[in-house]
Protein backbone atom coordinates (compact mmCIF):
# COMPACT_ATOMS: atom_id res chain seq x y z
CA PRO A 1 -19.90 -20.92 18.50
CA GLU A 2 -20.18 -17.83 20.75
CA ASP A 3 -16.67 -18.37 22.16
CA GLN A 4 -15.33 -18.71 18.64
CA LYS A 5 -16.93 -15.36 17.71
CA HIS A 6 -15.23 -13.68 20.66
CA ASP A 7 -11.90 -15.28 19.73
CA ASN A 8 -12.28 -14.00 16.17
CA TYR A 9 -13.04 -10.48 17.43
CA ARG A 10 -10.02 -10.59 19.74
CA GLN A 11 -7.80 -11.74 16.88
CA GLN A 12 -9.14 -9.00 14.61
CA ASP A 13 -8.57 -6.40 17.33
CA ALA A 14 -5.01 -7.65 17.85
CA GLU A 15 -4.34 -7.58 14.09
CA SER A 16 -5.83 -4.11 13.84
CA ALA A 17 -3.70 -2.83 16.74
CA LEU A 18 -0.59 -4.37 15.18
CA GLY A 19 -1.44 -2.83 11.80
CA ASP A 20 -1.97 0.53 13.48
CA TYR A 21 1.40 0.27 15.24
CA LEU A 22 3.22 -0.75 12.04
CA ASP A 23 1.61 2.06 10.04
CA ARG A 24 2.74 4.59 12.66
CA LEU A 25 6.29 3.18 12.52
CA LEU A 26 6.30 3.30 8.72
CA ALA A 27 5.01 6.87 8.69
CA ALA A 28 7.66 8.00 11.16
CA ARG A 29 10.41 6.31 9.15
CA VAL A 30 9.24 7.81 5.86
CA ILE A 31 9.28 11.27 7.45
CA GLN A 32 12.77 10.63 8.85
CA LEU A 33 14.01 9.71 5.38
CA ALA A 34 12.35 12.78 3.86
CA GLN A 35 14.10 14.97 6.44
CA LYS A 36 17.42 13.23 5.85
CA TRP A 37 17.13 13.97 2.13
CA GLN A 38 15.87 17.50 2.89
CA ALA A 39 12.62 16.97 1.00
CA GLY A 40 9.84 19.50 1.39
CA SER A 41 7.17 17.19 0.00
CA ILE A 42 6.39 13.52 -0.28
CA VAL A 43 4.52 12.26 -3.33
CA LEU A 44 2.33 9.19 -2.97
CA PRO A 45 0.15 7.42 -5.48
CA SER A 46 -3.54 8.15 -5.43
CA LEU A 47 -5.21 4.79 -5.27
CA GLY A 48 -8.32 5.60 -7.24
CA ASN A 49 -7.38 2.92 -9.77
CA ILE A 50 -5.76 0.50 -7.33
CA ARG A 51 -8.03 -2.42 -8.17
CA GLU A 52 -7.01 -2.29 -11.84
CA ILE A 53 -3.33 -1.95 -11.01
CA VAL A 54 -3.33 -4.77 -8.48
CA GLU A 55 -5.44 -7.07 -10.62
CA SER A 56 -3.20 -6.72 -13.67
CA SER A 57 -0.06 -7.20 -11.56
CA VAL A 58 -1.48 -10.24 -9.79
CA GLN A 59 -2.59 -11.83 -13.06
CA ALA A 60 0.82 -11.25 -14.63
CA GLU A 61 2.62 -12.73 -11.62
CA ALA A 62 0.25 -15.72 -11.49
CA GLU A 63 0.86 -16.43 -15.18
CA ARG A 64 4.62 -16.10 -14.70
CA ARG A 65 4.63 -18.47 -11.71
CA TYR A 66 2.22 -21.04 -13.12
CA PRO A 67 2.29 -20.94 -16.92
CA LYS A 68 -0.49 -23.02 -18.49
CA HIS A 69 -1.99 -23.90 -15.05
CA LYS A 70 -5.18 -21.84 -14.85
CA GLU A 71 -6.32 -23.47 -11.60
CA LEU A 72 -3.04 -22.63 -9.82
CA GLN A 73 -3.12 -19.10 -11.25
CA ASP A 74 -6.62 -18.58 -9.86
CA LYS A 75 -5.61 -19.97 -6.47
CA TYR A 76 -2.56 -17.69 -6.30
CA ALA A 77 -4.61 -14.64 -7.30
CA LYS A 78 -7.31 -15.41 -4.73
CA GLN A 79 -4.79 -15.76 -1.90
CA TYR A 80 -3.02 -12.56 -2.91
CA ARG A 81 -6.31 -10.63 -2.97
CA LEU A 82 -7.17 -11.85 0.53
CA GLU A 83 -3.84 -10.62 1.90
CA PHE A 84 -4.05 -7.35 -0.01
CA HIS A 85 -7.43 -6.43 1.49
CA ARG A 86 -6.04 -6.72 5.02
CA TRP A 87 -3.78 -3.72 4.50
CA SER A 88 -5.17 -0.23 5.03
CA TYR A 89 -3.50 2.30 2.77
CA GLY A 90 -5.92 4.92 4.03
CA ARG A 91 -4.75 4.47 7.61
CA LEU A 92 -1.09 4.69 6.58
CA LEU A 93 -1.83 7.82 4.56
CA LYS A 94 -3.58 9.39 7.56
CA TYR A 95 -0.52 8.79 9.77
CA LEU A 96 1.84 10.05 7.08
CA LYS A 97 -0.14 13.28 6.78
CA GLU A 98 -0.21 13.77 10.56
CA CYS A 99 3.52 13.12 10.93
CA ALA A 100 4.39 15.25 7.88
CA ARG A 101 2.35 18.18 9.21
CA GLN A 102 4.19 18.01 12.54
CA HIS A 103 7.52 18.26 10.71
CA GLY A 104 6.55 20.94 8.17
CA LEU A 105 6.34 18.60 5.19
CA THR A 106 3.54 18.28 2.67
CA ILE A 107 2.03 15.13 1.22
CA ARG A 108 0.94 15.18 -2.40
CA GLN A 109 -1.04 12.49 -4.15
CA GLU A 110 -0.94 11.85 -7.89
CA ARG A 111 -2.21 9.13 -10.18
CA GLN A 112 0.39 6.44 -10.75
CA PRO A 113 0.90 5.13 -14.29
CA LYS A 114 -0.08 1.52 -14.93
CA GLN A 115 2.84 0.64 -17.20
CA GLY A 116 6.57 0.56 -16.58
CA SER A 117 8.94 -0.72 -13.95
CA GLU A 118 8.47 0.33 -10.34
CA GLN A 119 11.26 2.88 -10.76
CA GLU A 120 9.72 4.29 -13.96
CA LYS A 121 6.32 4.56 -12.25
CA ALA A 122 7.88 6.38 -9.28
CA LEU A 123 9.69 8.86 -11.55
CA ALA A 124 6.50 9.52 -13.53
CA LEU A 125 4.60 10.04 -10.28
CA ILE A 126 7.12 12.61 -9.07
CA ALA A 127 7.22 14.36 -12.44
CA SER A 128 3.43 14.67 -12.53
CA ALA A 129 3.46 16.28 -9.09
CA PHE A 130 6.07 18.92 -9.81
CA LEU A 131 6.07 19.60 -13.54
């Protein structure tokens, strides 16, 4: 039991280090793209309502994948939630802000609409930041 605890901690540390590394890579790449497109700011969604957004998206996808199979829908939603909670948006945001500051860019956060396609949501997010 004690060895298993240590193995779990080691695995969590390794996953955390990998997540940290990937978030730094993502942040650097986002900043590179912003510079390539000569952007002065990057607009990101504020995740104050993330639980609602994710839950409605997960439910819709579960129903689409498994129509009339409530048990399979619940299983899909549970697995998705477990994976979702492993990702740290806050950590990525921290690295984006650090990297943006170093390159003279600003990061703005706005509330993302719940409805619409991903492209429509992105356009609304940008419009709310600059209009």
